[in-house]
């Protein structure tokens, strides 16, 4: 076979390939004005599954990886997934800032978080000595129709967080307010909160105030 014939055959083959490609493109191209929607439900389900696994193992690093992927892909994660990530961040107490960021996003939506999620956050804030932030959150949650018993639990955690942050005066004020509202609002204060505050007052050389706090505890 001559070289010219080989070149012609190659040229015809190339033209045929280009034609088929163009035909396939035209065949699968949507009409003008229409859009192709790709479902991402399986991806969201996968993310939720990975977040649950990370929560079970308390692996905040894996949670961070998954949440970063979801953010890059602009996934609209359900509330349960966000709260799962938040709890994982808060378990160790060291990642309270990440948990707080997710909590802020929940509050912006006007959604009422689950009590277990809120408790995890407040425990992490206490460990992180973030009393003022915990107090701000407590004021917001007080208007979200939680049970008084639950708010009392949060109040105890805030008192502890304030003391650890060095905000003793704010802790004393909150403790006294809680003690006064025990009968009128149905709230309660743990005896351990009084004891904790009194011990810290003694360490600071404020013996007289410590005795007053303990008297308040015994009276209640």
Foldseek 3Di string as FASTA:
>chain_A
DDPVVVVVVVVVVVVVVVVVVVVVCVVPDDDPPDDDDDDCVVVLVVLQVQLQVCLVVLPLVSLVVSVVVCVVVVPDHDPVSLLSSLLSLLQVLPNLVVSVVSVVVCVVVVDDDDLVSLVSSLQSLLVVLVLVVLVVVLVVVVPVDDDQASSQVSLLSSLSSCVSNVNLVVSVVSVVVQLVCCPVPVHDHDLVSLVVSLVSCVVVVNNVVSVVSNVSSVVD
